[in-house]
């Protein structure tokens, strides 16, 4: 009798399983629209020029010593400054490097930041508040919080009839949940729908949350990548923390916006109400980090820190962000035009209302399966596609194939 005989068989992660299926496919015209990783116009991974330059700097005198438990200090500082903006960041720090009202911890990408946020909330709150997660959302949101004992609930974020943000359901949820509830917020580039609240809607959401004592957890994986402008993409974070003076958790990832996917570079920023709370929270984060990973990996964070700390590299990175977001927007518009040209049944205006890496097509599971089985076009079962997987060589094939299947 095995100690592990009661272990359940858990299905593989859907997106990673889809990618494995794509890799095994020998069809020459196959298209991968599943996994969210940037690709250039030749369907190849792209190392950002700013990252290439930063690597040259980091490699000079590179050593492989441990980082402190909380991670690379310069990275934590610059990451928090990026998210909050220089003015708001300066308001929340002292003159002598000691952070006032901010607790930060270098994490294992965005997933690690979410996990640390969940752990510190679990340590500080009793009984545990309920967590409200948009439907649909990134699958790891529920997994991270539920495995730590939180009771997770969904609220309707997407209106499948209008193919737009369901702000009425959003507003209703905020006005009816218990005070103290935790709300998961996509800072920008909502995954999977590509639909974000407008600045005016964010302001309304923030005001309701403050009035009702709801706690915001921002998942911020696409700052700058969504629109090409970090300041625009960070609007909600800065409005909640600086304008409304709310406490919040900001979970940052630099996988997408710096192309550091495998380096797992992330940071958790907690905006707190007082210096003492910040110091206590940071000590608790340090304890949690020590018990889980001891200390975080250094290489990717050194690259990110080099970019964020140097004006020249930072401006080069801003240009890289505009390049990536511009290419994705171009492919989004090209797909839209291809669907219209091929007389694909239905209205496709929703594609142009969406932004960021993902497109939410609104196709049935049967159509998604047909596209994969007959045309070797791979996408998530809910018809979320990574726009980054499109390029000038395959976008017309995708549009033609979708039109054929829909007509059939």
Protein backbone atom coordinates (compact mmCIF):
# COMPACT_ATOMS: atom_id res chain seq x y z
CA UNK A 1 0.00 0.00 0.00
CA UNK A 2 1.58 3.29 -1.13
CA UNK A 3 1.69 6.37 1.07
CA UNK A 4 0.46 8.22 -2.01
CA UNK A 5 -2.34 5.84 -2.99
CA UNK A 6 -5.00 8.45 -2.21
CA UNK A 7 -3.44 11.04 -4.53
CA UNK A 8 -6.03 12.05 -7.13
CA UNK A 9 -5.32 12.17 -10.86
CA UNK A 10 -5.56 15.87 -11.68
CA UNK A 11 -5.97 16.81 -15.36
CA UNK A 12 -3.00 18.65 -16.88
CA UNK A 13 -3.15 22.42 -17.22
CA UNK A 14 -5.22 23.08 -20.34
CA UNK A 15 -2.96 25.68 -21.98
CA UNK A 16 0.27 23.78 -21.37
CA UNK A 17 -1.38 20.58 -22.63
CA UNK A 18 -2.54 22.46 -25.73
CA UNK A 19 1.00 23.70 -26.35
CA UNK A 20 2.35 20.14 -26.07
CA UNK A 21 -0.25 18.98 -28.57
CA UNK A 22 0.76 21.77 -30.95
CA UNK A 23 4.46 20.89 -30.66
CA UNK A 24 3.71 17.25 -31.52
CA UNK A 25 1.68 18.24 -34.61
CA UNK A 26 3.70 17.76 -37.83
CA UNK A 27 1.32 19.75 -40.06
CA UNK A 28 3.45 22.45 -41.80
CA UNK A 29 0.81 25.20 -41.60
CA UNK A 30 -0.10 24.71 -37.94
CA UNK A 31 -0.78 27.84 -35.89
CA UNK A 32 -0.36 28.24 -32.12
CA UNK A 33 -2.78 30.80 -30.69
CA UNK A 34 -2.82 29.23 -27.23
CA UNK A 35 0.06 30.15 -24.94
CA UNK A 36 0.47 33.85 -24.19
CA UNK A 37 4.05 34.56 -25.20
CA UNK A 38 5.12 37.30 -27.59
CA UNK A 39 6.32 36.28 -31.04
CA UNK A 40 7.69 38.49 -33.81
CA UNK A 41 6.49 38.67 -37.42
CA UNK A 42 8.41 35.45 -38.14
CA UNK A 43 6.75 33.52 -35.30
CA UNK A 44 9.99 33.59 -33.31
CA UNK A 45 10.66 34.59 -29.69
CA UNK A 46 11.94 38.18 -29.50
CA UNK A 47 14.66 39.29 -27.14
CA UNK A 48 14.00 42.95 -26.45
CA UNK A 49 16.89 45.25 -27.47
CA UNK A 50 16.73 46.84 -24.02
CA UNK A 51 17.11 43.38 -22.48
CA UNK A 52 20.06 42.56 -24.74
CA UNK A 53 21.79 45.76 -23.67
CA UNK A 54 21.00 45.16 -20.00
CA UNK A 55 22.44 41.64 -20.24
CA UNK A 56 25.75 43.06 -21.43
CA UNK A 57 25.86 45.25 -18.34
CA UNK A 58 24.80 42.46 -15.97
CA UNK A 59 27.36 40.04 -17.40
CA UNK A 60 30.20 42.36 -16.44
CA UNK A 61 31.35 40.94 -13.12
CA UNK A 62 28.39 38.57 -12.95
CA UNK A 63 28.45 36.32 -9.89
CA UNK A 64 25.98 33.82 -8.57
CA UNK A 65 25.71 34.56 -4.88
CA UNK A 66 22.44 34.36 -2.95
CA UNK A 67 20.17 37.36 -2.86
CA UNK A 68 18.66 38.46 0.47
CA UNK A 69 15.40 36.73 1.41
CA UNK A 70 13.31 39.68 0.21
CA UNK A 71 15.25 39.78 -3.03
CA UNK A 72 17.19 42.39 -4.98
CA UNK A 73 16.61 45.74 -3.24
CA UNK A 74 17.15 47.90 -6.33
CA UNK A 75 14.67 45.79 -8.31
CA UNK A 76 12.03 45.99 -5.57
CA UNK A 77 12.38 49.76 -5.34
CA UNK A 78 12.24 50.40 -9.09
CA UNK A 79 9.38 47.94 -9.59
CA UNK A 80 7.30 49.69 -6.93
CA UNK A 81 8.14 53.06 -8.43
CA UNK A 82 7.09 51.83 -11.89
CA UNK A 83 3.71 50.65 -10.63
CA UNK A 84 2.89 53.65 -8.44
CA UNK A 85 4.56 56.35 -10.51
CA UNK A 86 7.42 58.52 -9.26
CA UNK A 87 5.24 61.09 -7.52
CA UNK A 88 3.11 58.62 -5.59
CA UNK A 89 6.14 56.46 -4.81
CA UNK A 90 8.03 59.42 -3.36
CA UNK A 91 5.07 60.21 -1.12
CA UNK A 92 5.24 56.76 0.40
CA UNK A 93 8.95 56.58 1.18
CA UNK A 94 11.31 58.27 3.58
CA UNK A 95 14.37 60.21 2.63
CA UNK A 96 16.80 57.52 3.80
CA UNK A 97 15.80 54.46 1.81
CA UNK A 98 13.47 53.09 4.49
CA UNK A 99 10.08 52.57 2.89
CA UNK A 100 7.13 54.31 4.49
CA UNK A 101 3.74 52.64 3.96
CA UNK A 102 5.17 50.20 1.39
CA UNK A 103 6.18 46.58 1.89
CA UNK A 104 7.84 44.86 -1.08
CA UNK A 105 9.09 41.38 -1.85
CA UNK A 106 10.83 40.04 -4.96
CA UNK A 107 8.79 37.02 -6.10
CA UNK A 108 8.70 34.09 -8.51
CA UNK A 109 6.97 36.07 -11.28
CA UNK A 110 3.32 37.09 -11.01
CA UNK A 111 2.18 33.71 -9.69
CA UNK A 112 4.61 33.98 -6.79
CA UNK A 113 3.47 37.52 -6.05
CA UNK A 114 -0.18 36.39 -5.97
CA UNK A 115 0.74 33.50 -3.69
CA UNK A 116 2.62 35.77 -1.30
CA UNK A 117 -0.31 38.19 -1.29
CA UNK A 118 -2.69 35.35 -0.47
CA UNK A 119 -0.42 34.05 2.29
CA UNK A 120 -0.04 37.38 4.04
CA UNK A 121 -3.79 38.04 3.80
CA UNK A 122 -4.43 34.60 5.27
CA UNK A 123 -2.03 35.37 8.13
CA UNK A 124 -3.60 38.74 8.92
CA UNK A 125 -7.34 38.07 8.52
CA UNK A 126 -9.60 35.89 10.63
CA UNK A 127 -12.06 34.63 9.70
CA UNK A 128 -10.87 34.48 6.11
CA UNK A 129 -12.80 36.82 3.84
CA UNK A 130 -14.29 35.57 0.59
CA UNK A 131 -12.39 36.18 -2.62
CA UNK A 132 -14.26 37.43 -5.70
CA UNK A 133 -12.77 36.62 -9.08
CA UNK A 134 -14.02 37.78 -12.49
CA UNK A 135 -15.54 35.19 -14.80
CA UNK A 136 -13.77 34.43 -17.05
CA UNK A 137 -10.25 34.94 -15.71
CA UNK A 138 -6.76 33.46 -15.66
CA UNK A 139 -7.11 29.94 -14.25
CA UNK A 140 -4.40 30.38 -11.60
CA UNK A 141 -6.36 33.01 -9.68
CA UNK A 142 -8.80 30.47 -8.28
CA UNK A 143 -6.09 27.84 -7.84
CA UNK A 144 -3.75 30.09 -5.82
CA UNK A 145 -6.38 31.36 -3.40
CA UNK A 146 -8.45 28.18 -3.04
CA UNK A 147 -5.41 26.01 -2.24
CA UNK A 148 -4.63 28.41 0.62
CA UNK A 149 -8.08 27.91 2.10
CA UNK A 150 -9.97 30.92 0.76
CA UNK A 151 -13.56 30.52 -0.35
CA UNK A 152 -13.56 31.75 -3.93
CA UNK A 153 -16.57 33.10 -5.82
CA UNK A 154 -16.91 34.38 -9.36
CA UNK A 155 -18.81 37.35 -10.71
CA UNK A 156 -19.89 37.93 -14.28
CA UNK A 157 -17.29 40.12 -15.97
CA UNK A 158 -18.09 39.38 -19.61
CA UNK A 159 -21.44 39.72 -21.36
CA UNK A 160 -21.45 37.01 -24.02
CA UNK A 161 -24.43 38.58 -25.80
CA UNK A 162 -22.87 41.99 -26.32
CA UNK A 163 -19.28 40.68 -26.18
CA UNK A 164 -18.34 43.50 -23.87
CA UNK A 165 -17.55 44.22 -20.21
CA UNK A 166 -20.61 43.59 -18.02
CA UNK A 167 -20.25 46.68 -15.86
CA UNK A 168 -23.73 46.24 -14.38
CA UNK A 169 -22.84 42.83 -12.94
CA UNK A 170 -19.51 44.22 -11.78
CA UNK A 171 -21.23 47.10 -9.99
CA UNK A 172 -23.85 44.80 -8.47
CA UNK A 173 -21.19 42.48 -7.07
CA UNK A 174 -19.27 45.34 -5.47
CA UNK A 175 -22.42 46.70 -3.85
CA UNK A 176 -23.61 43.40 -2.40
CA UNK A 177 -20.58 41.42 -1.21
CA UNK A 178 -19.57 41.48 2.45
CA UNK A 179 -17.39 44.29 3.69
CA UNK A 180 -13.76 43.12 3.86
CA UNK A 181 -14.06 40.85 0.83
CA UNK A 182 -11.04 40.52 -1.46
CA UNK A 183 -11.53 41.49 -5.11
CA UNK A 184 -9.13 40.26 -7.82
CA UNK A 185 -8.54 43.03 -10.36
CA UNK A 186 -6.70 42.78 -13.69
CA UNK A 187 -4.80 46.09 -13.80
CA UNK A 188 -4.95 46.08 -17.60
CA UNK A 189 -5.16 43.66 -20.56
CA UNK A 190 -7.81 41.48 -18.94
CA UNK A 191 -7.03 37.80 -19.49
CA UNK A 192 -8.80 36.29 -21.41
CA UNK A 193 -11.27 38.88 -22.75
CA UNK A 194 -8.96 41.81 -23.55
CA UNK A 195 -11.68 44.10 -22.15
CA UNK A 196 -10.74 46.63 -19.47
CA UNK A 197 -12.83 49.18 -17.59
CA UNK A 198 -12.50 52.74 -18.88
CA UNK A 199 -10.78 55.28 -16.59
CA UNK A 200 -14.23 56.53 -15.57
CA UNK A 201 -15.38 52.98 -14.76
CA UNK A 202 -12.19 52.34 -12.78
CA UNK A 203 -12.90 55.47 -10.75
CA UNK A 204 -16.40 54.25 -10.00
CA UNK A 205 -15.10 50.77 -9.07
CA UNK A 206 -12.50 52.28 -6.77
CA UNK A 207 -14.93 54.58 -5.01
CA UNK A 208 -17.39 51.77 -4.34
CA UNK A 209 -14.60 49.53 -3.04
CA UNK A 210 -13.34 52.21 -0.69
CA UNK A 211 -16.82 53.05 0.60
CA UNK A 212 -17.60 49.38 1.22
CA UNK A 213 -14.23 48.38 2.69
CA UNK A 214 -13.26 45.92 -0.06
CA UNK A 215 -9.61 44.96 -0.53
CA UNK A 216 -8.05 45.17 -4.03
CA UNK A 217 -5.52 42.64 -5.29
CA UNK A 218 -4.14 43.84 -8.61
CA UNK A 219 -2.76 41.26 -11.03
CA UNK A 220 -0.39 43.41 -13.07
CA UNK A 221 1.27 41.23 -15.69
CA UNK A 222 1.03 43.59 -18.67
CA UNK A 223 2.04 47.11 -17.60
CA UNK A 224 3.22 48.88 -20.74
CA UNK A 225 2.63 45.81 -22.89
CA UNK A 226 -1.10 46.48 -23.19
CA UNK A 227 -1.09 49.96 -24.72
CA UNK A 228 2.60 50.70 -25.12
CA UNK A 229 2.34 53.23 -22.28
CA UNK A 230 3.09 52.22 -18.67
CA UNK A 231 1.40 55.30 -17.24
CA UNK A 232 -1.83 54.56 -19.10
CA UNK A 233 -1.80 50.87 -18.13
CA UNK A 234 -1.12 51.65 -14.45
CA UNK A 235 -4.05 54.08 -14.15
CA UNK A 236 -6.18 51.91 -11.86
CA UNK A 237 -3.32 51.03 -9.51
CA UNK A 238 -2.34 54.67 -9.12
CA UNK A 239 -5.90 55.90 -8.72
CA UNK A 240 -6.70 53.42 -5.95
CA UNK A 241 -3.46 53.91 -4.02
CA UNK A 242 -2.62 57.58 -4.61
CA UNK A 243 -5.95 59.31 -5.20
CA UNK A 244 -8.21 57.16 -3.00
CA UNK A 245 -5.41 56.33 -0.50
CA UNK A 246 -6.52 52.70 -0.30
CA UNK A 247 -4.50 49.78 0.97
CA UNK A 248 -3.84 47.31 -1.84
CA UNK A 249 -1.70 44.42 -3.04
CA UNK A 250 -0.03 44.85 -6.43
CA UNK A 251 1.30 41.66 -8.02
CA UNK A 252 3.84 42.52 -10.72
CA UNK A 253 5.31 40.29 -13.41
CA UNK A 254 8.02 41.16 -15.92
CA UNK A 255 7.59 37.99 -17.99
CA UNK A 256 5.48 39.61 -20.71
CA UNK A 257 6.56 43.24 -20.74
CA UNK A 258 10.29 42.44 -20.73
CA UNK A 259 10.11 39.04 -22.42
CA UNK A 260 11.73 37.43 -19.36
CA UNK A 261 9.37 34.45 -19.40
CA UNK A 262 11.67 31.73 -18.10
CA UNK A 263 13.49 33.99 -15.64
CA UNK A 264 10.31 34.30 -13.49
CA UNK A 265 10.79 37.92 -12.43
CA UNK A 266 8.05 39.31 -10.20
CA UNK A 267 7.43 41.58 -7.25
CA UNK A 268 4.72 42.01 -4.64
CA UNK A 269 4.03 45.57 -3.51
CA UNK A 270 1.78 46.16 -0.50
CA UNK A 271 0.49 49.67 -0.01
CA UNK A 272 -0.37 49.96 3.68
CA UNK A 273 -1.82 52.64 5.96
CA UNK A 274 1.14 53.33 8.27
CA UNK A 275 4.88 52.91 8.53
CA UNK A 276 4.54 50.40 11.38
CA UNK A 277 2.08 48.28 9.39
CA UNK A 278 4.44 48.36 6.41
CA UNK A 279 7.42 47.25 8.49
CA UNK A 280 5.45 44.47 10.16
CA UNK A 281 4.04 43.32 6.83
CA UNK A 282 7.48 43.25 5.25
CA UNK A 283 8.82 41.13 8.12
CA UNK A 284 5.95 38.70 7.60
CA UNK A 285 6.62 38.55 3.86
CA UNK A 286 10.25 37.77 4.65
CA UNK A 287 9.18 34.90 6.91
CA UNK A 288 6.82 33.47 4.28
CA UNK A 289 9.47 33.78 1.56
CA UNK A 290 12.06 32.04 3.73
CA UNK A 291 9.72 29.10 4.36
CA UNK A 292 8.91 28.60 0.68
CA UNK A 293 11.89 29.45 -1.55
CA UNK A 294 14.46 30.81 0.94
CA UNK A 295 15.39 33.58 -1.51
CA UNK A 296 14.48 34.41 -5.12
CA UNK A 297 16.50 33.93 -8.34
CA UNK A 298 18.84 36.78 -9.21
CA UNK A 299 19.61 36.87 -12.94
CA UNK A 300 16.32 38.12 -14.40
CA UNK A 301 15.83 40.62 -11.59
CA UNK A 302 19.28 42.08 -12.25
CA UNK A 303 18.30 42.58 -15.90
CA UNK A 304 15.01 44.21 -14.94
CA UNK A 305 16.73 46.39 -12.35
CA UNK A 306 19.34 47.54 -14.88
CA UNK A 307 16.58 48.60 -17.29
CA UNK A 308 14.46 50.36 -14.68
CA UNK A 309 17.43 52.12 -13.05
CA UNK A 310 19.01 53.65 -16.18
CA UNK A 311 17.23 56.42 -18.10
CA UNK A 312 18.69 55.32 -21.44
CA UNK A 313 17.74 51.68 -21.00
CA UNK A 314 14.36 52.65 -19.60
CA UNK A 315 13.59 54.77 -22.69
CA UNK A 316 14.80 51.94 -24.92
CA UNK A 317 12.42 49.60 -23.09
CA UNK A 318 9.54 52.02 -23.58
CA UNK A 319 10.25 51.86 -27.31
CA UNK A 320 10.30 48.05 -27.15
CA UNK A 321 6.89 48.13 -25.46
CA UNK A 322 5.53 50.31 -28.26
CA UNK A 323 6.96 47.87 -30.81
CA UNK A 324 5.28 44.84 -29.21
CA UNK A 325 1.94 46.49 -28.51
CA UNK A 326 1.93 48.05 -31.99
CA UNK A 327 2.54 44.73 -33.72
CA UNK A 328 -0.22 43.06 -31.72
CA UNK A 329 -2.67 45.86 -32.51
CA UNK A 330 -1.77 45.57 -36.20
CA UNK A 331 -2.44 41.81 -36.17
CA UNK A 332 -5.73 42.34 -34.33
CA UNK A 333 -6.89 44.74 -37.06
CA UNK A 334 -5.60 42.45 -39.83
CA UNK A 335 -7.52 39.49 -38.42
CA UNK A 336 -10.65 41.63 -38.21
CA UNK A 337 -10.28 42.72 -41.83
CA UNK A 338 -9.62 39.12 -42.90
CA UNK A 339 -12.80 37.88 -41.24
CA UNK A 340 -14.82 40.62 -42.94
CA UNK A 341 -13.18 39.96 -46.33
CA UNK A 342 -13.93 36.24 -46.04
CA UNK A 343 -17.54 36.96 -45.02
CA UNK A 344 -17.22 35.19 -41.67
CA UNK A 345 -20.74 35.00 -40.20
CA UNK A 346 -21.42 37.33 -37.30
CA UNK A 347 -20.23 40.73 -36.14
CA UNK A 348 -16.52 41.04 -35.31
CA UNK A 349 -16.39 44.58 -33.96
CA UNK A 350 -15.66 43.20 -30.50
CA UNK A 351 -12.14 42.31 -31.66
CA UNK A 352 -11.39 46.00 -32.12
CA UNK A 353 -12.81 46.90 -28.70
CA UNK A 354 -10.37 44.51 -27.04
CA UNK A 355 -6.73 45.29 -26.27
CA UNK A 356 -3.53 43.59 -25.19
CA UNK A 357 -2.16 40.17 -25.98
CA UNK A 358 -5.44 38.28 -26.04
CA UNK A 359 -8.49 38.20 -28.23
CA UNK A 360 -11.77 36.66 -27.12
CA UNK A 361 -13.45 35.40 -30.28
CA UNK A 362 -16.76 34.18 -28.86
CA UNK A 363 -16.66 30.83 -30.69
CA UNK A 364 -18.37 27.66 -29.51
CA UNK A 365 -16.25 24.72 -28.25
CA UNK A 366 -17.35 22.77 -31.34
CA UNK A 367 -15.93 25.44 -33.65
CA UNK A 368 -12.70 25.58 -31.64
CA UNK A 369 -12.35 21.80 -31.93
CA UNK A 370 -13.03 21.88 -35.67
CA UNK A 371 -10.38 24.53 -36.18
CA UNK A 372 -7.85 22.39 -34.37
CA UNK A 373 -8.78 19.02 -35.88
CA UNK A 374 -9.25 20.13 -39.48
CA UNK A 375 -7.08 23.24 -39.84
CA UNK A 376 -4.45 22.70 -37.09
CA UNK A 377 -5.22 26.05 -35.47
CA UNK A 378 -4.75 25.77 -31.70
CA UNK A 379 -6.56 28.01 -29.22
CA UNK A 380 -8.04 27.74 -25.72
CA UNK A 381 -11.38 25.92 -25.48
CA UNK A 382 -13.16 29.19 -24.60
CA UNK A 383 -11.84 30.69 -27.90
CA UNK A 384 -9.29 32.93 -26.26
CA UNK A 385 -6.44 33.49 -28.69
CA UNK A 386 -3.00 34.96 -28.23
CA UNK A 387 -2.89 37.71 -30.86
CA UNK A 388 0.91 37.48 -30.62
CA UNK A 389 0.64 34.08 -32.37
CA UNK A 390 -0.58 35.81 -35.54
CA UNK A 391 1.83 37.12 -38.15
CA UNK A 392 1.73 38.21 -41.82
CA UNK A 393 2.32 34.60 -42.95
CA UNK A 394 -0.58 32.98 -41.07
CA UNK A 395 -3.25 35.59 -40.30
CA UNK A 396 -5.06 35.17 -43.62
CA UNK A 397 -5.05 31.39 -43.21
CA UNK A 398 -6.60 31.79 -39.75
CA UNK A 399 -9.27 34.19 -41.03
CA UNK A 400 -10.13 31.94 -44.00
CA UNK A 401 -10.30 28.84 -41.81
CA UNK A 402 -12.54 30.51 -39.24
CA UNK A 403 -14.88 31.72 -41.97
CA UNK A 404 -15.10 28.23 -43.51
CA UNK A 405 -15.88 26.52 -40.23
CA UNK A 406 -18.49 29.12 -39.27
CA UNK A 407 -20.18 28.86 -42.66
CA UNK A 408 -20.27 25.08 -42.37
